[in-house]
Amino acid sequence: MLRAALRRFSLLLVGIASGTAALALVVGLAAGSGVLRSISLGWYVVGSVLLVGGFFVGNRGAARPRGEGWSTFSMRRWSRWASAEEQQESISLSAILVVLGFVLILLGVVADTRYSLI
């Protein structure tokens, strides 16, 4: 079970990292930036967004909207308490987003040519 989870996580990480690198490379080269600088900046940005997203998903309260008609401008708002399964899912998603964001930022640090790690 742990091996399958590690496989899924690594596929997710490789997919996000390679997609981000491809998009950042296209945008960076169009802007006249270098290859490694473009990729590292893309990983910085996407990693930061994932970290912030993980923070907000993890700090989501226990109240959830009830029904499909709940909207921002609705005068009648019904809410319910989240089940233990929903709360566990929220914490798990937060952990995945934070770890993915942290790894992407580390990849950006390694790929950044402005600074030497040694």
Protein backbone atom coordinates (compact mmCIF):
# COMPACT_ATOMS: atom_id res chain seq x y z
CA MET A 1 0.00 0.00 0.00
CA LEU A 2 2.83 2.40 0.82
CA ARG A 3 4.58 1.56 -2.44
CA ALA A 4 1.43 2.34 -4.43
CA ALA A 5 0.99 5.66 -2.59
CA LEU A 6 4.61 6.60 -3.27
CA ARG A 7 4.16 5.70 -6.94
CA ARG A 8 1.03 7.89 -7.24
CA PHE A 9 2.73 10.77 -5.43
CA SER A 10 5.82 10.57 -7.62
CA LEU A 11 3.67 10.50 -10.78
CA LEU A 12 1.83 13.58 -9.51
CA LEU A 13 5.09 15.35 -8.70
CA VAL A 14 6.68 14.52 -12.06
CA GLY A 15 3.54 15.60 -13.90
CA ILE A 16 3.29 18.94 -12.10
CA ALA A 17 7.03 19.62 -12.29
CA SER A 18 7.31 18.79 -15.98
CA GLY A 19 4.15 20.67 -16.92
CA THR A 20 5.30 23.70 -14.98
CA ALA A 21 8.76 23.51 -16.54
CA ALA A 22 7.32 23.31 -20.06
CA LEU A 23 4.96 26.25 -19.55
CA ALA A 24 7.61 28.33 -17.77
CA LEU A 25 10.12 27.58 -20.52
CA VAL A 26 7.75 28.82 -23.21
CA VAL A 27 6.84 31.97 -21.28
CA GLY A 28 10.44 32.63 -20.20
CA LEU A 29 11.92 32.24 -23.66
CA ALA A 30 9.22 34.49 -25.10
CA ALA A 31 10.20 37.09 -22.49
CA GLY A 32 13.90 36.73 -23.33
CA SER A 33 15.00 34.96 -20.16
CA GLY A 34 17.41 32.03 -19.89
CA VAL A 35 16.28 28.42 -19.81
CA LEU A 36 17.23 27.55 -16.23
CA ARG A 37 16.06 30.90 -14.90
CA SER A 38 12.67 30.45 -16.56
CA ILE A 39 12.20 26.95 -15.20
CA SER A 40 13.32 27.87 -11.68
CA LEU A 41 11.00 30.88 -11.61
CA GLY A 42 8.10 28.70 -12.77
CA TRP A 43 8.79 26.19 -10.01
CA TYR A 44 9.01 29.01 -7.46
CA VAL A 45 5.65 30.42 -8.51
CA VAL A 46 3.76 27.13 -8.70
CA GLY A 47 5.37 25.86 -5.49
CA SER A 48 4.34 29.02 -3.66
CA VAL A 49 0.78 28.77 -4.97
CA LEU A 50 0.59 25.14 -3.82
CA LEU A 51 1.92 26.07 -0.37
CA VAL A 52 -0.64 28.84 0.05
CA GLY A 53 -3.39 26.57 -1.26
CA GLY A 54 -2.38 23.85 1.18
CA PHE A 55 -2.48 26.35 4.02
CA PHE A 56 -6.01 27.46 3.18
CA VAL A 57 -7.30 23.93 2.57
CA GLY A 58 -5.85 22.81 5.90
CA ASN A 59 -7.39 25.72 7.78
CA ARG A 60 -10.86 25.15 6.40
CA GLY A 61 -13.39 25.09 9.18
CA ALA A 62 -15.63 22.24 10.21
CA ALA A 63 -18.76 23.84 8.69
CA ARG A 64 -19.71 22.82 5.16
CA PRO A 65 -22.48 24.15 2.90
CA ARG A 66 -25.64 22.08 2.79
CA GLY A 67 -27.26 21.51 -0.58
CA GLU A 68 -26.56 22.82 -4.04
CA GLY A 69 -28.19 26.25 -3.74
CA TRP A 70 -25.56 27.78 -1.48
CA SER A 71 -23.97 30.87 -2.98
CA THR A 72 -22.20 34.03 -1.90
CA PHE A 73 -25.22 36.27 -2.39
CA SER A 74 -27.81 33.90 -0.93
CA MET A 75 -29.82 35.28 1.96
CA ARG A 76 -30.50 31.84 3.36
CA ARG A 77 -27.35 29.93 4.16
CA TRP A 78 -27.59 26.48 5.58
CA SER A 79 -24.54 24.75 6.86
CA ARG A 80 -23.76 21.43 8.40
CA TRP A 81 -20.84 19.97 10.31
CA ALA A 82 -18.32 18.07 8.26
CA SER A 83 -18.02 14.38 8.84
CA ALA A 84 -14.82 12.88 10.19
CA GLU A 85 -14.07 11.54 6.71
CA GLU A 86 -14.40 15.01 5.16
CA GLN A 87 -12.14 16.53 7.78
CA GLN A 88 -9.54 13.79 7.26
CA GLU A 89 -9.71 14.33 3.49
CA SER A 90 -9.16 18.06 3.99
CA ILE A 91 -6.07 17.47 6.13
CA SER A 92 -4.71 14.88 3.67
CA LEU A 93 -5.16 17.22 0.71
CA SER A 94 -3.46 19.99 2.65
CA ALA A 95 -0.47 17.75 3.38
CA ILE A 96 -0.14 16.73 -0.27
CA LEU A 97 -0.30 20.34 -1.48
CA VAL A 98 2.24 21.54 1.07
CA VAL A 99 4.72 18.76 0.28
CA LEU A 100 4.33 19.28 -3.47
CA GLY A 101 4.85 23.01 -3.05
CA PHE A 102 7.91 22.54 -0.87
CA VAL A 103 9.49 20.08 -3.31
CA LEU A 104 8.85 22.42 -6.26
CA ILE A 105 10.47 25.30 -4.41
CA LEU A 106 13.47 23.07 -3.64
CA LEU A 107 13.68 22.15 -7.33
CA GLY A 108 13.61 25.86 -8.14
CA VAL A 109 16.47 26.52 -5.74
CA VAL A 110 18.54 23.74 -7.30
CA ALA A 111 17.82 24.95 -10.85
CA ASP A 112 18.44 28.64 -10.08
CA THR A 113 21.80 29.64 -11.57
CA ARG A 114 22.08 32.93 -9.72
CA TYR A 115 23.22 31.27 -6.50
CA SER A 116 25.60 28.43 -5.75
CA LEU A 117 24.56 25.80 -3.24
CA ILE A 118 28.13 24.86 -2.35
